[in-house]
Amino acid sequence: MRTVIQRVSHASVTINNTVKSSIGQGLLILAGIEDADTRDDVEWLSKKIVNLRIFDDENGVMNRSVSDINGDILIVSQFTLHASTKKGNRPSYIRASKAPTAIPLYERFCSELSRELGHEVKTGQFGADMKVELLNDGPVTIWMDTKNRE
């Protein structure tokens, strides 16, 4: 699994001119799934994200996690995170999983993050044309790939 994690003051997802989900302070996670991903990837990534110490403590040092601040998480599926740009100018998305494989892992990721966080995470809609708005706080943006965890 490949993710882009952004610390946000607020974020929202709009589909067909209707806000589907919104959060205040917390994390916006863009998540890309490939066929090689497993439940182990989901579990490792969920624990890692919820415990990332990227929120400021009282001294302005990034020493708190999203769970420490009782923050929210908004997860948006994004197959383009697996874009290959090696040849030509049109990216290839061949590594991105198709819906029958990706949807169960995406749903598992949302459930696991909710469990780790201690409250329900917000989501976009898998495969939908979404408009994502956010106010990146910092900015703090972190890229994580479960294939690079060792």
Protein backbone atom coordinates (compact mmCIF):
# COMPACT_ATOMS: atom_id res chain seq x y z
CA MET A 1 0.00 0.00 0.00
CA ARG A 2 1.17 3.47 -0.78
CA THR A 3 -0.08 6.50 1.14
CA VAL A 4 0.37 10.22 1.27
CA ILE A 5 -0.41 11.50 4.76
CA GLN A 6 -1.11 15.17 5.32
CA ARG A 7 -1.51 16.89 8.66
CA VAL A 8 -4.53 19.14 8.23
CA SER A 9 -6.44 21.84 10.08
CA HIS A 10 -9.50 20.67 8.14
CA ALA A 11 -10.34 18.61 5.06
CA SER A 12 -13.39 17.50 3.10
CA VAL A 13 -14.48 15.35 0.17
CA THR A 14 -17.24 16.47 -2.18
CA ILE A 15 -18.97 14.16 -4.68
CA ASN A 16 -21.52 15.50 -7.18
CA ASN A 17 -21.57 18.90 -5.43
CA THR A 18 -22.42 17.29 -2.06
CA VAL A 19 -19.99 17.12 0.85
CA LYS A 20 -19.68 13.41 1.69
CA SER A 21 -17.20 13.74 4.57
CA SER A 22 -15.33 16.42 6.44
CA ILE A 23 -12.94 16.59 9.39
CA GLY A 24 -11.34 19.19 11.59
CA GLN A 25 -7.78 18.80 12.86
CA GLY A 26 -6.27 15.48 11.93
CA LEU A 27 -4.93 13.54 8.96
CA LEU A 28 -5.95 13.36 5.32
CA ILE A 29 -4.74 10.06 3.89
CA LEU A 30 -4.58 9.37 0.17
CA ALA A 31 -4.34 5.58 -0.24
CA GLY A 32 -3.27 3.53 -3.25
CA ILE A 33 -3.60 -0.25 -3.33
CA GLU A 34 -1.77 -2.75 -5.54
CA ASP A 35 -2.33 -6.48 -6.06
CA ALA A 36 0.66 -7.42 -3.88
CA ASP A 37 -0.91 -5.76 -0.80
CA THR A 38 -2.15 -7.94 2.05
CA ARG A 39 -3.95 -7.70 5.39
CA ASP A 40 -0.50 -7.55 6.99
CA ASP A 41 0.20 -4.35 5.03
CA VAL A 42 -3.11 -2.89 6.23
CA GLU A 43 -2.42 -3.72 9.87
CA TRP A 44 1.18 -2.45 9.85
CA LEU A 45 0.25 0.78 8.07
CA SER A 46 -2.75 1.48 10.31
CA LYS A 47 -0.68 1.18 13.50
CA LYS A 48 2.11 3.26 12.03
CA ILE A 49 -0.20 6.08 10.90
CA VAL A 50 -2.20 6.35 14.13
CA ASN A 51 1.03 6.49 16.17
CA LEU A 52 3.00 8.90 13.94
CA ARG A 53 4.13 11.75 16.17
CA ILE A 54 3.59 14.66 13.79
CA PHE A 55 1.44 17.00 15.90
CA ASP A 56 2.98 19.71 18.07
CA ASP A 57 3.18 19.39 21.84
CA GLU A 58 3.02 22.38 24.21
CA ASN A 59 6.63 23.25 23.27
CA GLY A 60 5.98 23.29 19.51
CA VAL A 61 7.79 19.97 18.99
CA MET A 62 6.20 17.29 16.80
CA ASN A 63 5.71 14.82 19.61
CA ARG A 64 2.01 13.89 19.53
CA SER A 65 0.03 11.47 17.38
CA VAL A 66 -3.42 11.91 15.89
CA SER A 67 -4.80 9.75 18.69
CA ASP A 68 -2.98 11.86 21.32
CA ILE A 69 -4.78 14.99 20.09
CA ASN A 70 -8.10 13.16 19.60
CA GLY A 71 -7.92 14.13 15.93
CA ASP A 72 -9.84 12.80 12.97
CA ILE A 73 -8.81 10.88 9.86
CA LEU A 74 -10.20 11.24 6.34
CA ILE A 75 -9.21 8.46 3.90
CA VAL A 76 -9.45 8.91 0.14
CA SER A 77 -8.70 6.09 -2.30
CA GLN A 78 -6.31 7.21 -5.01
CA PHE A 79 -5.11 4.71 -7.62
CA THR A 80 -2.88 7.36 -9.22
CA LEU A 81 -0.38 6.92 -6.38
CA HIS A 82 0.80 3.84 -8.31
CA ALA A 83 1.41 5.77 -11.53
CA SER A 84 4.44 4.73 -13.55
CA THR A 85 6.01 7.58 -15.50
CA LYS A 86 9.03 5.74 -16.92
CA LYS A 87 7.87 5.75 -20.54
CA GLY A 88 6.35 8.64 -22.43
CA ASN A 89 4.21 11.38 -20.95
CA ARG A 90 1.05 9.42 -20.19
CA PRO A 91 1.29 7.66 -16.83
CA SER A 92 0.51 3.95 -16.63
CA TYR A 93 -1.60 2.70 -13.74
CA ILE A 94 -1.04 -1.00 -14.33
CA ARG A 95 0.23 -1.56 -10.75
CA ALA A 96 -2.95 -0.18 -9.19
CA SER A 97 -5.42 -2.89 -8.15
CA LYS A 98 -8.77 -3.15 -9.84
CA ALA A 99 -11.93 -2.78 -7.75
CA PRO A 100 -12.52 -6.48 -6.90
CA THR A 101 -9.12 -6.62 -5.17
CA ALA A 102 -8.81 -3.02 -3.99
CA ILE A 103 -12.24 -2.43 -2.42
CA PRO A 104 -11.98 -5.15 0.27
CA LEU A 105 -8.48 -3.95 1.24
CA TYR A 106 -9.60 -0.31 1.25
CA GLU A 107 -12.56 -1.18 3.49
CA ARG A 108 -10.28 -3.23 5.74
CA PHE A 109 -7.86 -0.28 5.95
CA CYS A 110 -10.71 2.05 6.98
CA SER A 111 -11.91 -0.44 9.62
CA GLU A 112 -8.43 -1.05 10.98
CA LEU A 113 -7.68 2.68 11.21
CA SER A 114 -11.00 3.23 13.03
CA ARG A 115 -10.12 0.47 15.49
CA GLU A 116 -6.61 1.83 16.09
CA LEU A 117 -7.87 5.41 16.41
CA GLY A 118 -10.72 4.54 18.75
CA HIS A 119 -13.42 6.22 16.67
CA GLU A 120 -14.74 6.03 13.14
CA VAL A 121 -12.69 7.49 10.33
CA LYS A 122 -14.30 9.44 7.50
CA THR A 123 -13.98 8.36 3.88
CA GLY A 124 -14.42 9.35 0.31
CA GLN A 125 -16.12 6.92 -2.08
CA PHE A 126 -14.03 4.33 -3.85
CA GLY A 127 -13.89 4.96 -7.59
CA ALA A 128 -15.87 8.21 -7.48
CA ASP A 129 -14.85 11.54 -9.00
CA MET A 130 -14.05 13.39 -5.78
CA LYS A 131 -13.14 16.97 -5.03
CA VAL A 132 -10.79 17.07 -2.04
CA GLU A 133 -10.26 20.28 -0.09
CA LEU A 134 -7.74 20.67 2.69
CA LEU A 135 -5.74 23.12 4.70
CA ASN A 136 -2.35 21.45 5.12
CA ASP A 137 -1.00 22.37 8.55
CA GLY A 138 2.74 23.01 8.57
CA PRO A 139 2.84 21.92 5.81
CA VAL A 140 3.44 18.36 6.97
CA THR A 141 3.19 15.72 4.23
CA ILE A 142 4.57 12.19 4.58
CA TRP A 143 4.77 9.44 1.99
CA MET A 144 4.65 5.83 3.20
CA ASP A 145 4.82 2.59 1.21
CA THR A 146 4.47 -0.78 2.92
CA LYS A 147 6.95 -2.25 0.42
CA ASN A 148 9.67 0.02 1.92
CA ARG A 149 9.12 -0.72 5.60
CA GLU A 150 12.24 -2.78 6.23
